[in-house]
Amino acid sequence: MSTAPATSAGLFTTTRRVKWGECDPAGVVYTPRFTDYVVEAFHEFLGFMLDGPLQQKLVEHDLGTPAKAVSLVFHKSLWPEQTLRLVVFVSGIRTRSFDIAIRAEDDGGTAIFDASFSAVCIHHAERRSRAIPPALHIRLAEYATRHPCGLSSIEERTGP
């Protein structure tokens, strides 16, 4: 991401500017870059939830968070040099995994894409499943309560 994350009344938001190198010669953003935007926002949000530098906090909590699932629904094109605002919500918490939803908007607040990202918790070194660390579970639950997702699921938006 190109700018520091911010919170508006505690709502996690991060911004970035689309680089020309992320686009083809016609100025269309390469599709895989959207997943990069989602993963980058997830990592920034996780650092925010763990209250510190992400890599340091992952080691402290013996935590890895590989992706279980990623889904995207596109609403509008992105262009080089366009600013993208990503707003993060917690959309589900289970014992060993959790979901976030991301709304990407342009400067005018128009939706560009919606995404869902599911992370499973593992022991960092051993690469085996584990429960969400208690401190993270509490922060995720508090955040979800303060900021209800309000985004329908990917399945509801795309239909059968």
N, C-alpha and C. Protein backbone atom coordinates (compact mmCIF):
# COMPACT_ATOMS: atom_id res chain seq x y z
N MET A 1 0.85 -1.17 0.00
CA MET A 1 0.00 0.00 0.00
C MET A 1 0.90 1.23 0.00
N SER A 2 0.40 2.29 -0.54
CA SER A 2 1.26 3.45 -0.69
C SER A 2 1.11 4.47 0.42
N THR A 3 0.07 4.41 1.19
CA THR A 3 -0.06 5.36 2.29
C THR A 3 -0.38 4.59 3.56
N ALA A 4 -0.16 5.26 4.68
CA ALA A 4 -0.37 4.63 5.98
C ALA A 4 -1.85 4.38 6.22
N PRO A 5 -2.17 3.28 6.92
CA PRO A 5 -3.56 3.03 7.26
C PRO A 5 -4.09 4.10 8.20
N ALA A 6 -5.38 4.32 8.14
CA ALA A 6 -6.01 5.30 9.00
C ALA A 6 -7.28 4.70 9.57
N THR A 7 -7.75 5.30 10.61
CA THR A 7 -9.03 4.88 11.16
C THR A 7 -9.93 6.09 11.23
N SER A 8 -11.17 5.88 10.91
CA SER A 8 -12.19 6.90 11.04
C SER A 8 -13.16 6.36 12.07
N ALA A 9 -13.13 6.92 13.26
CA ALA A 9 -13.92 6.41 14.38
C ALA A 9 -13.64 4.92 14.57
N GLY A 10 -12.38 4.53 14.37
CA GLY A 10 -11.99 3.15 14.58
C GLY A 10 -12.14 2.23 13.38
N LEU A 11 -12.75 2.70 12.29
CA LEU A 11 -12.93 1.88 11.09
C LEU A 11 -11.62 1.87 10.30
N PHE A 12 -11.07 0.70 10.07
CA PHE A 12 -9.77 0.59 9.41
C PHE A 12 -9.92 0.86 7.92
N THR A 13 -9.12 1.80 7.43
CA THR A 13 -9.12 2.19 6.03
C THR A 13 -7.67 2.39 5.59
N THR A 14 -7.35 1.95 4.41
CA THR A 14 -6.03 2.19 3.85
C THR A 14 -6.19 2.66 2.41
N THR A 15 -5.25 3.44 1.94
CA THR A 15 -5.33 3.93 0.57
C THR A 15 -4.07 3.57 -0.18
N ARG A 16 -4.20 3.56 -1.49
CA ARG A 16 -3.05 3.33 -2.36
C ARG A 16 -3.35 4.00 -3.70
N ARG A 17 -2.31 4.22 -4.45
CA ARG A 17 -2.45 4.76 -5.80
C ARG A 17 -2.04 3.67 -6.78
N VAL A 18 -2.85 3.47 -7.80
CA VAL A 18 -2.56 2.47 -8.82
C VAL A 18 -1.35 2.94 -9.62
N LYS A 19 -0.36 2.07 -9.74
CA LYS A 19 0.85 2.39 -10.49
C LYS A 19 0.70 1.95 -11.94
N TRP A 20 1.36 2.68 -12.83
CA TRP A 20 1.29 2.33 -14.25
C TRP A 20 1.78 0.91 -14.48
N GLY A 21 2.78 0.45 -13.74
CA GLY A 21 3.32 -0.89 -13.90
C GLY A 21 2.36 -1.99 -13.50
N GLU A 22 1.26 -1.64 -12.83
CA GLU A 22 0.24 -2.61 -12.45
C GLU A 22 -0.81 -2.78 -13.55
N CYS A 23 -0.58 -2.08 -14.68
CA CYS A 23 -1.57 -2.07 -15.76
C CYS A 23 -0.93 -2.55 -17.06
N ASP A 24 -1.80 -2.99 -17.97
CA ASP A 24 -1.30 -3.34 -19.30
C ASP A 24 -1.13 -2.05 -20.11
N PRO A 25 -0.60 -2.11 -21.33
CA PRO A 25 -0.37 -0.88 -22.10
C PRO A 25 -1.63 -0.07 -22.38
N ALA A 26 -2.80 -0.69 -22.31
CA ALA A 26 -4.05 0.05 -22.52
C ALA A 26 -4.53 0.74 -21.25
N GLY A 27 -3.81 0.56 -20.15
CA GLY A 27 -4.17 1.20 -18.90
C GLY A 27 -5.15 0.41 -18.05
N VAL A 28 -5.31 -0.87 -18.33
CA VAL A 28 -6.21 -1.73 -17.56
C VAL A 28 -5.41 -2.46 -16.50
N VAL A 29 -5.87 -2.40 -15.25
CA VAL A 29 -5.17 -3.07 -14.16
C VAL A 29 -5.19 -4.58 -14.40
N TYR A 30 -4.02 -5.21 -14.28
CA TYR A 30 -3.93 -6.66 -14.40
C TYR A 30 -4.79 -7.29 -13.31
N THR A 31 -5.62 -8.25 -13.67
CA THR A 31 -6.55 -8.88 -12.72
C THR A 31 -5.86 -9.41 -11.46
N PRO A 32 -4.70 -10.08 -11.55
CA PRO A 32 -4.08 -10.59 -10.32
C PRO A 32 -3.71 -9.49 -9.32
N ARG A 33 -3.53 -8.27 -9.78
CA ARG A 33 -3.18 -7.18 -8.86
C ARG A 33 -4.30 -6.92 -7.86
N PHE A 34 -5.56 -7.17 -8.22
CA PHE A 34 -6.65 -6.95 -7.28
C PHE A 34 -6.50 -7.84 -6.06
N THR A 35 -6.08 -9.08 -6.29
CA THR A 35 -5.84 -9.98 -5.16
C THR A 35 -4.70 -9.46 -4.31
N ASP A 36 -3.67 -8.91 -4.94
CA ASP A 36 -2.57 -8.30 -4.18
C ASP A 36 -3.09 -7.16 -3.31
N TYR A 37 -3.98 -6.32 -3.84
CA TYR A 37 -4.54 -5.22 -3.05
C TYR A 37 -5.26 -5.76 -1.82
N VAL A 38 -6.01 -6.85 -2.01
CA VAL A 38 -6.77 -7.46 -0.91
C VAL A 38 -5.81 -8.02 0.15
N VAL A 39 -4.81 -8.77 -0.28
CA VAL A 39 -3.87 -9.38 0.66
C VAL A 39 -3.07 -8.29 1.40
N GLU A 40 -2.66 -7.26 0.69
CA GLU A 40 -1.93 -6.16 1.34
C GLU A 40 -2.80 -5.48 2.39
N ALA A 41 -4.07 -5.23 2.07
CA ALA A 41 -4.98 -4.62 3.03
C ALA A 41 -5.19 -5.54 4.23
N PHE A 42 -5.32 -6.86 3.98
CA PHE A 42 -5.45 -7.82 5.06
C PHE A 42 -4.25 -7.76 6.00
N HIS A 43 -3.05 -7.73 5.44
CA HIS A 43 -1.84 -7.68 6.26
C HIS A 43 -1.78 -6.39 7.09
N GLU A 44 -2.14 -5.28 6.50
CA GLU A 44 -2.15 -4.03 7.26
C GLU A 44 -3.19 -4.09 8.37
N PHE A 45 -4.36 -4.64 8.06
CA PHE A 45 -5.41 -4.76 9.06
C PHE A 45 -4.98 -5.69 10.19
N LEU A 46 -4.34 -6.80 9.87
CA LEU A 46 -3.88 -7.73 10.88
C LEU A 46 -2.83 -7.08 11.79
N GLY A 47 -1.93 -6.30 11.23
CA GLY A 47 -0.97 -5.54 12.04
C GLY A 47 -1.68 -4.58 12.98
N PHE A 48 -2.73 -3.94 12.47
CA PHE A 48 -3.54 -3.04 13.29
C PHE A 48 -4.22 -3.81 14.42
N MET A 49 -4.77 -4.98 14.11
CA MET A 49 -5.44 -5.80 15.13
C MET A 49 -4.46 -6.32 16.17
N LEU A 50 -3.23 -6.61 15.77
CA LEU A 50 -2.22 -7.13 16.70
C LEU A 50 -1.43 -6.00 17.37
N ASP A 51 -1.72 -4.75 16.96
CA ASP A 51 -1.15 -3.56 17.60
C ASP A 51 0.36 -3.48 17.48
N GLY A 52 0.87 -3.64 16.27
CA GLY A 52 2.30 -3.49 16.09
C GLY A 52 2.77 -3.94 14.73
N PRO A 53 4.09 -3.93 14.53
CA PRO A 53 4.63 -4.40 13.26
C PRO A 53 4.23 -5.85 13.02
N LEU A 54 3.65 -6.13 11.87
CA LEU A 54 3.04 -7.43 11.62
C LEU A 54 4.00 -8.60 11.83
N GLN A 55 5.16 -8.59 11.20
CA GLN A 55 6.05 -9.74 11.30
C GLN A 55 6.47 -10.00 12.75
N GLN A 56 6.75 -8.95 13.48
CA GLN A 56 7.13 -9.09 14.89
C GLN A 56 5.97 -9.69 15.69
N LYS A 57 4.77 -9.21 15.47
CA LYS A 57 3.60 -9.69 16.22
C LYS A 57 3.25 -11.13 15.84
N LEU A 58 3.43 -11.51 14.59
CA LEU A 58 3.16 -12.89 14.19
C LEU A 58 4.09 -13.85 14.93
N VAL A 59 5.36 -13.47 15.05
CA VAL A 59 6.32 -14.31 15.78
C VAL A 59 5.95 -14.36 17.26
N GLU A 60 5.62 -13.20 17.85
CA GLU A 60 5.24 -13.15 19.27
C GLU A 60 4.05 -14.05 19.58
N HIS A 61 3.09 -14.09 18.66
CA HIS A 61 1.87 -14.87 18.87
C HIS A 61 1.95 -16.29 18.28
N ASP A 62 3.13 -16.66 17.75
CA ASP A 62 3.29 -17.96 17.09
C ASP A 62 2.16 -18.17 16.09
N LEU A 63 2.01 -17.21 15.20
CA LEU A 63 0.85 -17.17 14.31
C LEU A 63 1.24 -17.01 12.86
N GLY A 64 0.61 -17.80 12.02
CA GLY A 64 0.63 -17.63 10.58
C GLY A 64 -0.82 -17.53 10.13
N THR A 65 -1.07 -16.85 9.03
CA THR A 65 -2.46 -16.66 8.57
C THR A 65 -2.57 -16.88 7.06
N PRO A 66 -2.32 -18.09 6.59
CA PRO A 66 -2.47 -18.31 5.15
C PRO A 66 -3.93 -18.15 4.71
N ALA A 67 -4.09 -17.83 3.45
CA ALA A 67 -5.43 -17.65 2.89
C ALA A 67 -6.11 -19.00 2.74
N LYS A 68 -7.37 -19.03 3.13
CA LYS A 68 -8.23 -20.19 2.91
C LYS A 68 -9.06 -19.95 1.64
N ALA A 69 -9.51 -18.69 1.47
CA ALA A 69 -10.34 -18.34 0.31
C ALA A 69 -10.26 -16.84 0.05
N VAL A 70 -10.35 -16.47 -1.22
CA VAL A 70 -10.41 -15.07 -1.64
C VAL A 70 -11.46 -14.97 -2.74
N SER A 71 -12.34 -13.99 -2.62
CA SER A 71 -13.36 -13.76 -3.65
C SER A 71 -13.43 -12.28 -3.96
N LEU A 72 -13.69 -11.97 -5.22
CA LEU A 72 -13.80 -10.58 -5.66
C LEU A 72 -15.03 -10.41 -6.55
N VAL A 73 -15.67 -9.26 -6.40
CA VAL A 73 -16.73 -8.84 -7.31
C VAL A 73 -16.37 -7.44 -7.80
N PHE A 74 -16.23 -7.28 -9.11
CA PHE A 74 -15.82 -6.01 -9.69
C PHE A 74 -17.04 -5.15 -10.04
N HIS A 75 -16.93 -3.85 -9.74
CA HIS A 75 -18.02 -2.92 -10.03
C HIS A 75 -17.62 -1.85 -11.04
N LYS A 76 -16.33 -1.50 -11.07
CA LYS A 76 -15.89 -0.38 -11.89
C LYS A 76 -14.41 -0.57 -12.23
N SER A 77 -13.98 -0.03 -13.35
CA SER A 77 -12.58 -0.13 -13.76
C SER A 77 -11.68 0.76 -12.91
N LEU A 78 -10.43 0.39 -12.87
CA LEU A 78 -9.39 1.19 -12.23
C LEU A 78 -8.41 1.64 -13.30
N TRP A 79 -7.84 2.83 -13.10
CA TRP A 79 -6.91 3.39 -14.08
C TRP A 79 -5.60 3.74 -13.40
N PRO A 80 -4.52 3.84 -14.17
CA PRO A 80 -3.25 4.26 -13.59
C PRO A 80 -3.37 5.60 -12.89
N GLU A 81 -2.68 5.72 -11.77
CA GLU A 81 -2.65 6.92 -10.94
C GLU A 81 -3.94 7.19 -10.18
N GLN A 82 -4.92 6.32 -10.29
CA GLN A 82 -6.17 6.48 -9.55
C GLN A 82 -5.94 6.08 -8.09
N THR A 83 -6.55 6.84 -7.17
CA THR A 83 -6.47 6.52 -5.75
C THR A 83 -7.56 5.54 -5.39
N LEU A 84 -7.20 4.57 -4.61
CA LEU A 84 -8.08 3.50 -4.19
C LEU A 84 -8.15 3.50 -2.67
N ARG A 85 -9.35 3.54 -2.11
CA ARG A 85 -9.53 3.48 -0.67
C ARG A 85 -10.13 2.12 -0.33
N LEU A 86 -9.48 1.39 0.59
CA LEU A 86 -9.95 0.06 0.98
C LEU A 86 -10.42 0.12 2.43
N VAL A 87 -11.68 -0.21 2.64
CA VAL A 87 -12.29 -0.20 3.97
C VAL A 87 -12.48 -1.65 4.39
N VAL A 88 -12.01 -1.98 5.60
CA VAL A 88 -11.99 -3.37 6.05
C VAL A 88 -13.02 -3.60 7.16
N PHE A 89 -13.75 -4.69 7.01
CA PHE A 89 -14.73 -5.14 8.00
C PHE A 89 -14.41 -6.58 8.39
N VAL A 90 -14.79 -6.98 9.60
CA VAL A 90 -14.71 -8.38 10.00
C VAL A 90 -16.08 -8.97 9.70
N SER A 91 -16.11 -10.03 8.88
CA SER A 91 -17.40 -10.59 8.48
C SER A 91 -17.67 -11.97 9.06
N GLY A 92 -16.69 -12.56 9.73
CA GLY A 92 -16.92 -13.86 10.35
C GLY A 92 -15.75 -14.26 11.23
N ILE A 93 -16.05 -14.87 12.37
CA ILE A 93 -15.01 -15.36 13.28
C ILE A 93 -15.42 -16.76 13.71
N ARG A 94 -14.49 -17.70 13.54
CA ARG A 94 -14.70 -19.06 13.99
C ARG A 94 -13.60 -19.42 14.99
N THR A 95 -13.42 -20.66 15.30
CA THR A 95 -12.40 -21.07 16.26
C THR A 95 -10.99 -20.92 15.70
N ARG A 96 -10.78 -21.36 14.46
CA ARG A 96 -9.44 -21.39 13.88
C ARG A 96 -9.29 -20.49 12.66
N SER A 97 -10.34 -19.84 12.25
CA SER A 97 -10.27 -19.00 11.06
C SER A 97 -11.20 -17.81 11.22
N PHE A 98 -10.97 -16.81 10.38
CA PHE A 98 -11.83 -15.63 10.39
C PHE A 98 -11.87 -15.03 8.98
N ASP A 99 -12.89 -14.23 8.74
CA ASP A 99 -13.11 -13.62 7.43
C ASP A 99 -13.13 -12.11 7.56
N ILE A 100 -12.60 -11.47 6.53
CA ILE A 100 -12.77 -10.02 6.43
C ILE A 100 -13.45 -9.73 5.10
N ALA A 101 -14.11 -8.59 5.05
CA ALA A 101 -14.71 -8.09 3.81
C ALA A 101 -14.07 -6.74 3.55
N ILE A 102 -13.80 -6.46 2.30
CA ILE A 102 -13.16 -5.20 1.93
C ILE A 102 -14.00 -4.53 0.87
N ARG A 103 -14.27 -3.26 1.08
CA ARG A 103 -14.94 -2.43 0.06
C ARG A 103 -13.87 -1.49 -0.48
N ALA A 104 -13.60 -1.58 -1.78
CA ALA A 104 -12.66 -0.67 -2.44
C ALA A 104 -13.46 0.41 -3.14
N GLU A 105 -13.09 1.66 -2.88
CA GLU A 105 -13.82 2.81 -3.43
C GLU A 105 -12.85 3.77 -4.09
N ASP A 106 -13.39 4.58 -5.01
CA ASP A 106 -12.59 5.65 -5.58
C ASP A 106 -12.71 6.89 -4.69
N ASP A 107 -12.10 7.99 -5.11
CA ASP A 107 -12.12 9.21 -4.30
C ASP A 107 -13.53 9.73 -4.03
N GLY A 108 -14.46 9.44 -4.94
CA GLY A 108 -15.83 9.91 -4.78
C GLY A 108 -16.71 8.97 -3.98
N GLY A 109 -16.15 7.86 -3.50
CA GLY A 109 -16.92 6.90 -2.72
C GLY A 109 -17.67 5.87 -3.55
N THR A 110 -17.41 5.84 -4.86
CA THR A 110 -18.05 4.85 -5.73
C THR A 110 -17.33 3.52 -5.58
N ALA A 111 -18.10 2.44 -5.42
CA ALA A 111 -17.51 1.11 -5.26
C ALA A 111 -16.76 0.69 -6.51
N ILE A 112 -15.54 0.21 -6.31
CA ILE A 112 -14.74 -0.33 -7.41
C ILE A 112 -14.79 -1.85 -7.36
N PHE A 113 -14.59 -2.43 -6.17
CA PHE A 113 -14.77 -3.86 -6.00
C PHE A 113 -15.06 -4.17 -4.55
N ASP A 114 -15.66 -5.32 -4.33
CA ASP A 114 -15.86 -5.87 -3.00
C ASP A 114 -15.09 -7.18 -2.96
N ALA A 115 -14.52 -7.46 -1.80
CA ALA A 115 -13.74 -8.70 -1.67
C ALA A 115 -14.02 -9.35 -0.34
N SER A 116 -13.84 -10.65 -0.31
CA SER A 116 -13.84 -11.37 0.96
C SER A 116 -12.54 -12.16 1.02
N PHE A 117 -12.00 -12.25 2.22
CA PHE A 117 -10.74 -12.95 2.45
C PHE A 117 -10.89 -13.77 3.70
N SER A 118 -10.65 -15.07 3.61
CA SER A 118 -10.72 -15.96 4.75
C SER A 118 -9.30 -16.41 5.09
N ALA A 119 -8.93 -16.24 6.35
CA ALA A 119 -7.61 -16.65 6.82
C ALA A 119 -7.78 -17.76 7.84
N VAL A 120 -6.91 -18.74 7.76
CA VAL A 120 -6.88 -19.80 8.75
C VAL A 120 -5.65 -19.57 9.62
N CYS A 121 -5.77 -19.82 10.91
CA CYS A 121 -4.65 -19.61 11.83
C CYS A 121 -3.84 -20.89 11.96
N ILE A 122 -2.53 -20.72 11.89
CA ILE A 122 -1.62 -21.85 12.05
C ILE A 122 -0.51 -21.45 13.02
N HIS A 123 0.14 -22.47 13.59
CA HIS A 123 1.37 -22.22 14.35
C HIS A 123 2.42 -21.80 13.33
N HIS A 124 3.08 -20.71 13.59
CA HIS A 124 4.00 -20.11 12.63
C HIS A 124 5.08 -21.08 12.16
N ALA A 125 5.80 -21.69 13.07
CA ALA A 125 6.91 -22.55 12.70
C ALA A 125 6.47 -23.95 12.27
N GLU A 126 5.45 -24.47 12.92
CA GLU A 126 5.04 -25.86 12.67
C GLU A 126 4.11 -26.02 11.47
N ARG A 127 3.49 -24.94 11.04
CA ARG A 127 2.55 -24.98 9.91
C ARG A 127 1.40 -25.94 10.14
N ARG A 128 0.86 -25.92 11.36
CA ARG A 128 -0.33 -26.73 11.64
C ARG A 128 -1.40 -25.84 12.25
N SER A 129 -2.63 -26.21 12.03
CA SER A 129 -3.79 -25.43 12.47
C SER A 129 -3.78 -25.17 13.97
N ARG A 130 -4.31 -24.01 14.33
CA ARG A 130 -4.42 -23.64 15.73
C ARG A 130 -5.60 -22.71 15.92
N ALA A 131 -6.02 -22.54 17.16
CA ALA A 131 -7.09 -21.59 17.47
C ALA A 131 -6.57 -20.16 17.26
N ILE A 132 -7.49 -19.26 16.97
CA ILE A 132 -7.13 -17.85 16.90
C ILE A 132 -6.59 -17.45 18.27
N PRO A 133 -5.44 -16.77 18.34
CA PRO A 133 -4.93 -16.35 19.64
C PRO A 133 -5.99 -15.52 20.38
N PRO A 134 -6.15 -15.74 21.69
CA PRO A 134 -7.20 -15.06 22.44
C PRO A 134 -7.21 -13.54 22.28
N ALA A 135 -6.05 -12.91 22.33
CA ALA A 135 -6.01 -11.44 22.20
C ALA A 135 -6.53 -10.99 20.83
N LEU A 136 -6.17 -11.72 19.78
CA LEU A 136 -6.65 -11.39 18.44
C LEU A 136 -8.15 -11.67 18.33
N HIS A 137 -8.60 -12.77 18.88
CA HIS A 137 -10.03 -13.12 18.84
C HIS A 137 -10.86 -12.01 19.48
N ILE A 138 -10.42 -11.52 20.62
CA ILE A 138 -11.13 -10.44 21.33
C ILE A 138 -11.17 -9.19 20.48
N ARG A 139 -10.02 -8.80 19.90
CA ARG A 139 -9.97 -7.58 19.08
C ARG A 139 -10.86 -7.70 17.84
N LEU A 140 -10.83 -8.87 17.20
CA LEU A 140 -11.67 -9.08 16.02
C LEU A 140 -13.16 -8.97 16.39
N ALA A 141 -13.54 -9.60 17.50
CA ALA A 141 -14.95 -9.57 17.93
C ALA A 141 -15.38 -8.15 18.29
N GLU A 142 -14.53 -7.42 18.99
CA GLU A 142 -14.86 -6.03 19.33
C GLU A 142 -15.01 -5.19 18.08
N TYR A 143 -14.10 -5.35 17.13
CA TYR A 143 -14.15 -4.59 15.88
C TYR A 143 -15.43 -4.92 15.11
N ALA A 144 -15.77 -6.21 15.03
CA ALA A 144 -16.98 -6.63 14.32
C ALA A 144 -18.23 -6.05 14.96
N THR A 145 -18.24 -5.94 16.27
CA THR A 145 -19.39 -5.38 16.98
C THR A 145 -19.50 -3.88 16.72
N ARG A 146 -18.37 -3.19 16.77
CA ARG A 146 -18.37 -1.73 16.55
C ARG A 146 -18.66 -1.36 15.10
N HIS A 147 -18.25 -2.23 14.18
CA HIS A 147 -18.37 -1.92 12.74
C HIS A 147 -19.01 -3.10 12.01
N PRO A 148 -20.32 -3.24 12.12
CA PRO A 148 -20.98 -4.35 11.40
C PRO A 148 -20.65 -4.28 9.92
N CYS A 149 -20.47 -5.42 9.33
CA CYS A 149 -19.98 -5.51 7.96
C CYS A 149 -20.85 -4.73 6.98
N GLY A 150 -22.12 -5.02 6.90
CA GLY A 150 -22.99 -4.29 5.99
C GLY A 150 -22.79 -4.62 4.52
N LEU A 151 -21.79 -5.42 4.19
CA LEU A 151 -21.60 -5.86 2.80
C LEU A 151 -22.17 -7.25 2.69
N SER A 152 -23.00 -7.47 1.67
CA SER A 152 -23.53 -8.82 1.50
C SER A 152 -22.41 -9.74 1.07
N SER A 153 -22.65 -11.00 1.23
CA SER A 153 -21.62 -11.97 0.86
C SER A 153 -21.42 -11.97 -0.65
N ILE A 154 -20.30 -12.49 -1.08
CA ILE A 154 -20.01 -12.60 -2.51
C ILE A 154 -21.11 -13.41 -3.20
N GLU A 155 -21.55 -14.49 -2.57
CA GLU A 155 -22.59 -15.32 -3.19
C GLU A 155 -23.89 -14.56 -3.39
N GLU A 156 -24.26 -13.71 -2.43
CA GLU A 156 -25.49 -12.94 -2.58
C GLU A 156 -25.39 -11.92 -3.68
N ARG A 157 -24.18 -11.36 -3.93
CA ARG A 157 -24.01 -10.34 -4.95
C ARG A 157 -23.96 -10.94 -6.34
N THR A 158 -23.47 -12.15 -6.46
CA THR A 158 -23.30 -12.71 -7.80
C THR A 158 -24.43 -13.63 -8.21
N GLY A 159 -25.22 -14.07 -7.24
CA GLY A 159 -26.36 -14.93 -7.57
C GLY A 159 -25.93 -16.37 -7.80
N PRO A 160 -26.92 -17.23 -8.13
CA PRO A 160 -26.61 -18.66 -8.33
C PRO A 160 -25.77 -18.91 -9.56
